[in-house]
Amino acid sequence: MTTRPQPDARDAYPRLVPLTTRWMDNDVYGHLNNVVYYSLFDTAVNSLLIGAGALDLQGGEVIGLVVETHCNFFEPLAFPQRIEAGVRVARQGCSSVRYEIGLFAEGAVQCAARGHFVHVYVDRDSRRPVAELPAAYLQALKTLTP
């Protein structure tokens, strides 16, 4: 018997990233289209990595490739709405990180959606996994580990 996923509380995440929805995010049913949730996950994590000086979009030698994603939906989100993305690191390997993200309507106690994605960090040119994450990444990940 499988247990049905439940929403997390905001205190389950060490960092919160403010985000906003856009007009184009709504689908014909009046709420965010499911693909938008994945975009918000990616935006939240990469914003934190850029802000920490770990991710250099133009010149960094290491980039993260998404190899796995998942999302559970609990309540709809829509435009216009402010959102807070809770971010945590659930697992960290030599070249991979599993990020877990909860999307909260601004001020909500429980997340409207919860998901994860796994980045495998690779050399920008060869696209081969790195032997170990650079120091800037390791430092940034410490702030995301509960």
N, C-alpha and C. Protein backbone atom coordinates (compact mmCIF):
# COMPACT_ATOMS: atom_id res chain seq x y z
N MET A 1 0.84 -1.18 0.00
CA MET A 1 0.00 0.00 0.00
C MET A 1 0.89 1.24 0.00
N THR A 2 0.62 2.16 -0.90
CA THR A 2 1.41 3.38 -1.01
C THR A 2 0.75 4.50 -0.22
N THR A 3 1.56 5.24 0.51
CA THR A 3 1.06 6.39 1.26
C THR A 3 0.94 7.58 0.32
N ARG A 4 -0.17 8.26 0.40
CA ARG A 4 -0.39 9.43 -0.45
C ARG A 4 0.51 10.57 0.01
N PRO A 5 1.22 11.24 -0.93
CA PRO A 5 2.09 12.36 -0.54
C PRO A 5 1.30 13.47 0.15
N GLN A 6 1.94 14.10 1.10
CA GLN A 6 1.34 15.19 1.85
C GLN A 6 2.17 16.46 1.67
N PRO A 7 1.53 17.63 1.75
CA PRO A 7 2.29 18.87 1.62
C PRO A 7 3.20 19.11 2.82
N ASP A 8 4.32 19.76 2.55
CA ASP A 8 5.27 20.13 3.61
C ASP A 8 4.91 21.50 4.17
N ALA A 9 5.34 21.73 5.40
CA ALA A 9 5.26 23.07 6.00
C ALA A 9 6.48 23.86 5.56
N ARG A 10 6.37 25.17 5.58
CA ARG A 10 7.47 26.01 5.11
C ARG A 10 8.74 25.86 5.95
N ASP A 11 8.62 25.48 7.22
CA ASP A 11 9.82 25.33 8.04
C ASP A 11 10.63 24.08 7.70
N ALA A 12 10.15 23.28 6.75
CA ALA A 12 10.90 22.11 6.27
C ALA A 12 12.00 22.52 5.29
N TYR A 13 12.04 23.80 4.94
CA TYR A 13 13.00 24.29 3.94
C TYR A 13 13.87 25.38 4.55
N PRO A 14 15.19 25.24 4.44
CA PRO A 14 16.08 26.23 5.03
C PRO A 14 16.12 27.58 4.29
N ARG A 15 15.73 27.60 3.02
CA ARG A 15 15.77 28.85 2.25
C ARG A 15 14.45 29.03 1.50
N LEU A 16 14.01 30.28 1.42
CA LEU A 16 12.82 30.64 0.66
C LEU A 16 13.20 31.65 -0.41
N VAL A 17 12.70 31.46 -1.61
CA VAL A 17 12.97 32.35 -2.74
C VAL A 17 11.64 32.94 -3.20
N PRO A 18 11.51 34.28 -3.19
CA PRO A 18 10.26 34.88 -3.68
C PRO A 18 10.20 34.82 -5.21
N LEU A 19 9.04 34.43 -5.74
CA LEU A 19 8.82 34.34 -7.18
C LEU A 19 7.44 34.93 -7.49
N THR A 20 7.24 35.31 -8.73
CA THR A 20 5.92 35.77 -9.14
C THR A 20 5.45 34.98 -10.35
N THR A 21 4.16 34.85 -10.45
CA THR A 21 3.58 34.20 -11.63
C THR A 21 3.45 35.24 -12.74
N ARG A 22 3.27 34.75 -13.95
CA ARG A 22 3.12 35.62 -15.12
C ARG A 22 1.79 35.31 -15.81
N TRP A 23 1.29 36.24 -16.57
CA TRP A 23 0.05 36.06 -17.30
C TRP A 23 0.07 34.78 -18.12
N MET A 24 1.17 34.54 -18.81
CA MET A 24 1.27 33.38 -19.70
C MET A 24 1.35 32.04 -18.97
N ASP A 25 1.53 32.05 -17.64
CA ASP A 25 1.65 30.81 -16.88
C ASP A 25 0.32 30.07 -16.71
N ASN A 26 -0.79 30.81 -16.75
CA ASN A 26 -2.10 30.17 -16.58
C ASN A 26 -2.47 29.35 -17.81
N ASP A 27 -3.17 28.26 -17.57
CA ASP A 27 -3.69 27.47 -18.68
C ASP A 27 -5.18 27.74 -18.84
N VAL A 28 -5.82 27.05 -19.72
CA VAL A 28 -7.24 27.27 -20.02
C VAL A 28 -8.13 26.99 -18.80
N TYR A 29 -7.64 26.26 -17.82
CA TYR A 29 -8.41 25.94 -16.62
C TYR A 29 -8.27 26.99 -15.53
N GLY A 30 -7.47 28.04 -15.78
CA GLY A 30 -7.37 29.15 -14.83
C GLY A 30 -6.34 28.97 -13.74
N HIS A 31 -5.43 28.01 -13.87
CA HIS A 31 -4.35 27.87 -12.89
C HIS A 31 -3.05 27.62 -13.64
N LEU A 32 -1.96 27.60 -12.90
CA LEU A 32 -0.66 27.40 -13.54
C LEU A 32 -0.62 26.05 -14.25
N ASN A 33 -0.13 26.06 -15.46
CA ASN A 33 0.07 24.82 -16.19
C ASN A 33 1.14 24.01 -15.49
N ASN A 34 1.04 22.69 -15.54
CA ASN A 34 1.97 21.84 -14.78
C ASN A 34 3.44 22.07 -15.15
N VAL A 35 3.74 22.40 -16.41
CA VAL A 35 5.14 22.61 -16.78
C VAL A 35 5.73 23.84 -16.11
N VAL A 36 4.89 24.79 -15.71
CA VAL A 36 5.36 26.01 -15.05
C VAL A 36 5.97 25.68 -13.69
N TYR A 37 5.42 24.70 -13.01
CA TYR A 37 5.95 24.32 -11.70
C TYR A 37 7.42 23.89 -11.82
N TYR A 38 7.74 23.14 -12.85
CA TYR A 38 9.12 22.71 -13.07
C TYR A 38 10.03 23.90 -13.37
N SER A 39 9.52 24.84 -14.11
CA SER A 39 10.28 26.05 -14.40
C SER A 39 10.54 26.84 -13.11
N LEU A 40 9.54 26.91 -12.24
CA LEU A 40 9.72 27.60 -10.96
C LEU A 40 10.75 26.89 -10.09
N PHE A 41 10.74 25.55 -10.11
CA PHE A 41 11.76 24.79 -9.36
C PHE A 41 13.15 25.19 -9.83
N ASP A 42 13.34 25.13 -11.13
CA ASP A 42 14.64 25.43 -11.74
C ASP A 42 15.07 26.87 -11.43
N THR A 43 14.13 27.80 -11.54
CA THR A 43 14.42 29.21 -11.27
C THR A 43 14.85 29.42 -9.83
N ALA A 44 14.15 28.79 -8.89
CA ALA A 44 14.48 28.96 -7.47
C ALA A 44 15.88 28.46 -7.16
N VAL A 45 16.20 27.24 -7.59
CA VAL A 45 17.51 26.66 -7.29
C VAL A 45 18.62 27.45 -7.96
N ASN A 46 18.47 27.73 -9.25
CA ASN A 46 19.54 28.44 -9.96
C ASN A 46 19.71 29.87 -9.47
N SER A 47 18.63 30.51 -9.03
CA SER A 47 18.76 31.85 -8.44
C SER A 47 19.63 31.80 -7.18
N LEU A 48 19.40 30.79 -6.35
CA LEU A 48 20.21 30.66 -5.14
C LEU A 48 21.68 30.39 -5.48
N LEU A 49 21.93 29.52 -6.46
CA LEU A 49 23.31 29.19 -6.84
C LEU A 49 24.02 30.40 -7.46
N ILE A 50 23.32 31.17 -8.27
CA ILE A 50 23.91 32.38 -8.86
C ILE A 50 24.20 33.39 -7.75
N GLY A 51 23.23 33.59 -6.87
CA GLY A 51 23.40 34.54 -5.76
C GLY A 51 24.55 34.17 -4.84
N ALA A 52 24.84 32.88 -4.72
CA ALA A 52 25.94 32.42 -3.85
C ALA A 52 27.28 32.45 -4.58
N GLY A 53 27.28 32.81 -5.86
CA GLY A 53 28.53 32.84 -6.61
C GLY A 53 28.99 31.47 -7.09
N ALA A 54 28.13 30.48 -7.03
CA ALA A 54 28.52 29.12 -7.46
C ALA A 54 28.30 28.94 -8.95
N LEU A 55 27.14 29.35 -9.44
CA LEU A 55 26.80 29.14 -10.85
C LEU A 55 27.13 30.39 -11.66
N ASP A 56 28.00 30.23 -12.62
CA ASP A 56 28.36 31.29 -13.57
C ASP A 56 27.82 30.86 -14.92
N LEU A 57 26.73 31.48 -15.35
CA LEU A 57 26.04 31.06 -16.56
C LEU A 57 26.89 31.18 -17.82
N GLN A 58 27.74 32.17 -17.89
CA GLN A 58 28.51 32.41 -19.10
C GLN A 58 29.89 31.79 -19.09
N GLY A 59 30.57 31.83 -17.96
CA GLY A 59 31.96 31.41 -17.95
C GLY A 59 32.31 30.26 -17.03
N GLY A 60 31.35 29.73 -16.32
CA GLY A 60 31.65 28.65 -15.38
C GLY A 60 32.06 27.37 -16.09
N GLU A 61 33.01 26.68 -15.50
CA GLU A 61 33.48 25.41 -16.08
C GLU A 61 32.54 24.25 -15.79
N VAL A 62 31.69 24.42 -14.76
CA VAL A 62 30.77 23.36 -14.34
C VAL A 62 29.34 23.83 -14.53
N ILE A 63 28.51 22.96 -15.12
CA ILE A 63 27.08 23.25 -15.27
C ILE A 63 26.29 22.06 -14.76
N GLY A 64 25.04 22.30 -14.38
CA GLY A 64 24.18 21.23 -13.89
C GLY A 64 23.17 20.82 -14.96
N LEU A 65 23.09 19.53 -15.23
CA LEU A 65 22.11 18.98 -16.15
C LEU A 65 21.04 18.25 -15.35
N VAL A 66 19.79 18.52 -15.65
CA VAL A 66 18.69 17.86 -14.95
C VAL A 66 18.52 16.46 -15.52
N VAL A 67 18.56 15.45 -14.64
CA VAL A 67 18.43 14.06 -15.07
C VAL A 67 17.18 13.38 -14.50
N GLU A 68 16.50 14.06 -13.56
CA GLU A 68 15.29 13.48 -12.97
C GLU A 68 14.43 14.60 -12.40
N THR A 69 13.12 14.51 -12.59
CA THR A 69 12.20 15.48 -12.00
C THR A 69 10.94 14.77 -11.52
N HIS A 70 10.26 15.41 -10.58
CA HIS A 70 9.00 14.88 -10.05
C HIS A 70 8.25 16.01 -9.37
N CYS A 71 6.92 15.94 -9.38
CA CYS A 71 6.11 16.95 -8.68
C CYS A 71 4.81 16.33 -8.20
N ASN A 72 4.42 16.70 -6.98
CA ASN A 72 3.10 16.39 -6.43
C ASN A 72 2.36 17.71 -6.28
N PHE A 73 1.10 17.72 -6.70
CA PHE A 73 0.28 18.92 -6.65
C PHE A 73 -0.76 18.77 -5.55
N PHE A 74 -0.90 19.80 -4.72
CA PHE A 74 -1.85 19.76 -3.61
C PHE A 74 -2.95 20.80 -3.73
N GLU A 75 -2.59 22.01 -4.17
CA GLU A 75 -3.53 23.11 -4.35
C GLU A 75 -3.12 23.89 -5.59
N PRO A 76 -4.07 24.49 -6.29
CA PRO A 76 -3.69 25.26 -7.49
C PRO A 76 -3.04 26.60 -7.14
N LEU A 77 -2.14 27.01 -8.00
CA LEU A 77 -1.56 28.35 -7.97
C LEU A 77 -1.94 29.01 -9.30
N ALA A 78 -2.01 30.34 -9.33
CA ALA A 78 -2.45 31.02 -10.55
C ALA A 78 -1.86 32.42 -10.65
N PHE A 79 -1.98 33.00 -11.82
CA PHE A 79 -1.65 34.41 -12.02
C PHE A 79 -2.90 35.22 -11.71
N PRO A 80 -2.79 36.36 -11.05
CA PRO A 80 -1.60 36.94 -10.44
C PRO A 80 -1.44 36.45 -9.01
N GLN A 81 -0.28 35.93 -8.72
CA GLN A 81 -0.04 35.42 -7.37
C GLN A 81 1.46 35.45 -7.09
N ARG A 82 1.78 35.85 -5.88
CA ARG A 82 3.17 35.77 -5.44
C ARG A 82 3.38 34.41 -4.80
N ILE A 83 4.56 33.87 -5.07
CA ILE A 83 4.90 32.52 -4.60
C ILE A 83 6.22 32.57 -3.87
N GLU A 84 6.37 31.70 -2.90
CA GLU A 84 7.66 31.50 -2.23
C GLU A 84 8.07 30.05 -2.44
N ALA A 85 9.27 29.88 -2.95
CA ALA A 85 9.79 28.52 -3.19
C ALA A 85 10.74 28.15 -2.06
N GLY A 86 10.38 27.13 -1.32
CA GLY A 86 11.28 26.59 -0.31
C GLY A 86 12.24 25.63 -0.99
N VAL A 87 13.53 25.72 -0.64
CA VAL A 87 14.55 24.88 -1.29
C VAL A 87 15.39 24.19 -0.23
N ARG A 88 15.64 22.91 -0.46
CA ARG A 88 16.55 22.15 0.41
C ARG A 88 17.30 21.12 -0.43
N VAL A 89 18.46 20.72 0.09
CA VAL A 89 19.23 19.63 -0.52
C VAL A 89 18.88 18.37 0.25
N ALA A 90 18.40 17.37 -0.49
CA ALA A 90 18.03 16.10 0.15
C ALA A 90 19.17 15.09 0.09
N ARG A 91 19.96 15.16 -0.98
CA ARG A 91 21.06 14.21 -1.14
C ARG A 91 22.13 14.86 -1.99
N GLN A 92 23.37 14.62 -1.61
CA GLN A 92 24.50 15.19 -2.34
C GLN A 92 25.55 14.11 -2.55
N GLY A 93 25.91 13.91 -3.82
CA GLY A 93 26.97 12.97 -4.16
C GLY A 93 28.20 13.73 -4.62
N CYS A 94 29.12 13.03 -5.26
CA CYS A 94 30.34 13.68 -5.76
C CYS A 94 30.03 14.64 -6.90
N SER A 95 29.10 14.25 -7.78
CA SER A 95 28.78 15.09 -8.93
C SER A 95 27.28 15.35 -9.07
N SER A 96 26.48 14.87 -8.14
CA SER A 96 25.03 15.06 -8.27
C SER A 96 24.43 15.60 -6.98
N VAL A 97 23.29 16.29 -7.15
CA VAL A 97 22.56 16.85 -6.03
C VAL A 97 21.07 16.66 -6.29
N ARG A 98 20.37 16.18 -5.28
CA ARG A 98 18.90 16.13 -5.35
C ARG A 98 18.37 17.31 -4.55
N TYR A 99 17.73 18.23 -5.28
CA TYR A 99 17.09 19.39 -4.68
C TYR A 99 15.61 19.08 -4.49
N GLU A 100 15.07 19.47 -3.34
CA GLU A 100 13.63 19.37 -3.10
C GLU A 100 13.08 20.78 -2.94
N ILE A 101 11.93 21.01 -3.57
CA ILE A 101 11.37 22.35 -3.62
C ILE A 101 9.90 22.27 -3.25
N GLY A 102 9.47 23.19 -2.40
CA GLY A 102 8.06 23.35 -2.08
C GLY A 102 7.61 24.71 -2.56
N LEU A 103 6.51 24.78 -3.29
CA LEU A 103 5.98 26.05 -3.76
C LEU A 103 4.81 26.46 -2.87
N PHE A 104 4.92 27.64 -2.28
CA PHE A 104 3.93 28.14 -1.33
C PHE A 104 3.27 29.39 -1.89
N ALA A 105 1.95 29.49 -1.80
CA ALA A 105 1.31 30.78 -2.02
C ALA A 105 1.88 31.70 -0.94
N GLU A 106 2.10 32.96 -1.27
CA GLU A 106 2.72 33.88 -0.32
C GLU A 106 2.01 33.81 1.04
N GLY A 107 2.79 33.52 2.08
CA GLY A 107 2.28 33.46 3.44
C GLY A 107 1.60 32.15 3.84
N ALA A 108 1.42 31.23 2.90
CA ALA A 108 0.74 29.96 3.21
C ALA A 108 1.61 29.10 4.13
N VAL A 109 0.96 28.33 4.96
CA VAL A 109 1.65 27.47 5.91
C VAL A 109 2.14 26.19 5.24
N GLN A 110 1.34 25.63 4.32
CA GLN A 110 1.70 24.39 3.64
C GLN A 110 1.89 24.65 2.14
N CYS A 111 2.74 23.83 1.54
CA CYS A 111 3.03 24.03 0.12
C CYS A 111 1.86 23.60 -0.75
N ALA A 112 1.72 24.30 -1.87
CA ALA A 112 0.71 23.96 -2.86
C ALA A 112 1.21 22.85 -3.78
N ALA A 113 2.52 22.77 -3.91
CA ALA A 113 3.16 21.72 -4.72
C ALA A 113 4.53 21.43 -4.11
N ARG A 114 4.95 20.18 -4.27
CA ARG A 114 6.27 19.78 -3.78
C ARG A 114 6.89 18.87 -4.82
N GLY A 115 8.16 19.10 -5.08
CA GLY A 115 8.82 18.26 -6.06
C GLY A 115 10.31 18.19 -5.83
N HIS A 116 10.96 17.54 -6.77
CA HIS A 116 12.42 17.46 -6.70
C HIS A 116 12.98 17.41 -8.12
N PHE A 117 14.24 17.73 -8.21
CA PHE A 117 14.99 17.42 -9.41
C PHE A 117 16.41 17.10 -9.02
N VAL A 118 17.06 16.33 -9.87
CA VAL A 118 18.44 15.94 -9.65
C VAL A 118 19.29 16.59 -10.73
N HIS A 119 20.29 17.33 -10.27
CA HIS A 119 21.30 17.89 -11.17
C HIS A 119 22.51 16.97 -11.13
N VAL A 120 23.04 16.63 -12.29
CA VAL A 120 24.37 16.03 -12.38
C VAL A 120 25.26 17.15 -12.90
N TYR A 121 26.29 17.45 -12.14
CA TYR A 121 27.20 18.53 -12.51
C TYR A 121 28.30 17.98 -13.40
N VAL A 122 28.44 18.65 -14.54
CA VAL A 122 29.35 18.18 -15.58
C VAL A 122 30.28 19.30 -16.02
N ASP A 123 31.37 18.91 -16.65
CA ASP A 123 32.27 19.86 -17.29
C ASP A 123 31.51 20.48 -18.47
N ARG A 124 31.54 21.81 -18.57
CA ARG A 124 30.79 22.52 -19.62
C ARG A 124 31.13 22.01 -21.02
N ASP A 125 32.41 21.75 -21.28
CA ASP A 125 32.84 21.38 -22.62
C ASP A 125 32.65 19.89 -22.92
N SER A 126 33.10 19.03 -22.02
CA SER A 126 33.06 17.59 -22.30
C SER A 126 31.70 16.96 -21.98
N ARG A 127 30.92 17.63 -21.12
CA ARG A 127 29.63 17.12 -20.64
C ARG A 127 29.78 15.82 -19.83
N ARG A 128 30.95 15.60 -19.30
CA ARG A 128 31.22 14.45 -18.44
C ARG A 128 31.09 14.89 -16.97
N PRO A 129 30.56 14.03 -16.10
CA PRO A 129 30.43 14.39 -14.68
C PRO A 129 31.77 14.78 -14.07
N VAL A 130 31.72 15.78 -13.21
CA VAL A 130 32.92 16.22 -12.51
C VAL A 130 33.27 15.20 -11.42
N ALA A 131 34.54 15.14 -11.05
CA ALA A 131 34.98 14.22 -9.99
C ALA A 131 34.48 14.68 -8.63
N GLU A 132 34.43 16.00 -8.46
CA GLU A 132 33.89 16.58 -7.23
C GLU A 132 33.38 17.98 -7.52
N LEU A 133 32.42 18.41 -6.74
CA LEU A 133 31.85 19.74 -6.93
C LEU A 133 32.85 20.81 -6.51
N PRO A 134 32.90 21.92 -7.24
CA PRO A 134 33.78 23.03 -6.86
C PRO A 134 33.42 23.58 -5.47
N ALA A 135 34.38 24.20 -4.84
CA ALA A 135 34.21 24.72 -3.47
C ALA A 135 33.02 25.68 -3.36
N ALA A 136 32.80 26.52 -4.36
CA ALA A 136 31.69 27.48 -4.31
C ALA A 136 30.34 26.76 -4.25
N TYR A 137 30.22 25.66 -4.97
CA TYR A 137 28.99 24.87 -4.91
C TYR A 137 28.83 24.23 -3.54
N LEU A 138 29.90 23.65 -3.03
CA LEU A 138 29.82 23.01 -1.72
C LEU A 138 29.39 23.99 -0.64
N GLN A 139 29.92 25.21 -0.71
CA GLN A 139 29.55 26.24 0.25
C GLN A 139 28.07 26.61 0.11
N ALA A 140 27.62 26.78 -1.13
CA ALA A 140 26.21 27.12 -1.37
C ALA A 140 25.29 26.01 -0.89
N LEU A 141 25.67 24.76 -1.12
CA LEU A 141 24.82 23.63 -0.73
C LEU A 141 24.67 23.51 0.78
N LYS A 142 25.69 23.92 1.52
CA LYS A 142 25.59 23.89 2.98
C LYS A 142 24.42 24.74 3.48
N THR A 143 24.14 25.85 2.79
CA THR A 143 23.04 26.73 3.23
C THR A 143 21.67 26.14 2.88
N LEU A 144 21.64 25.10 2.07
CA LEU A 144 20.39 24.48 1.65
C LEU A 144 20.15 23.12 2.30
N THR A 145 21.06 22.71 3.16
CA THR A 145 20.95 21.41 3.83
C THR A 145 20.32 21.60 5.20
N PRO A 146 19.17 20.95 5.41
CA PRO A 146 18.50 21.10 6.73
C PRO A 146 19.32 20.54 7.88
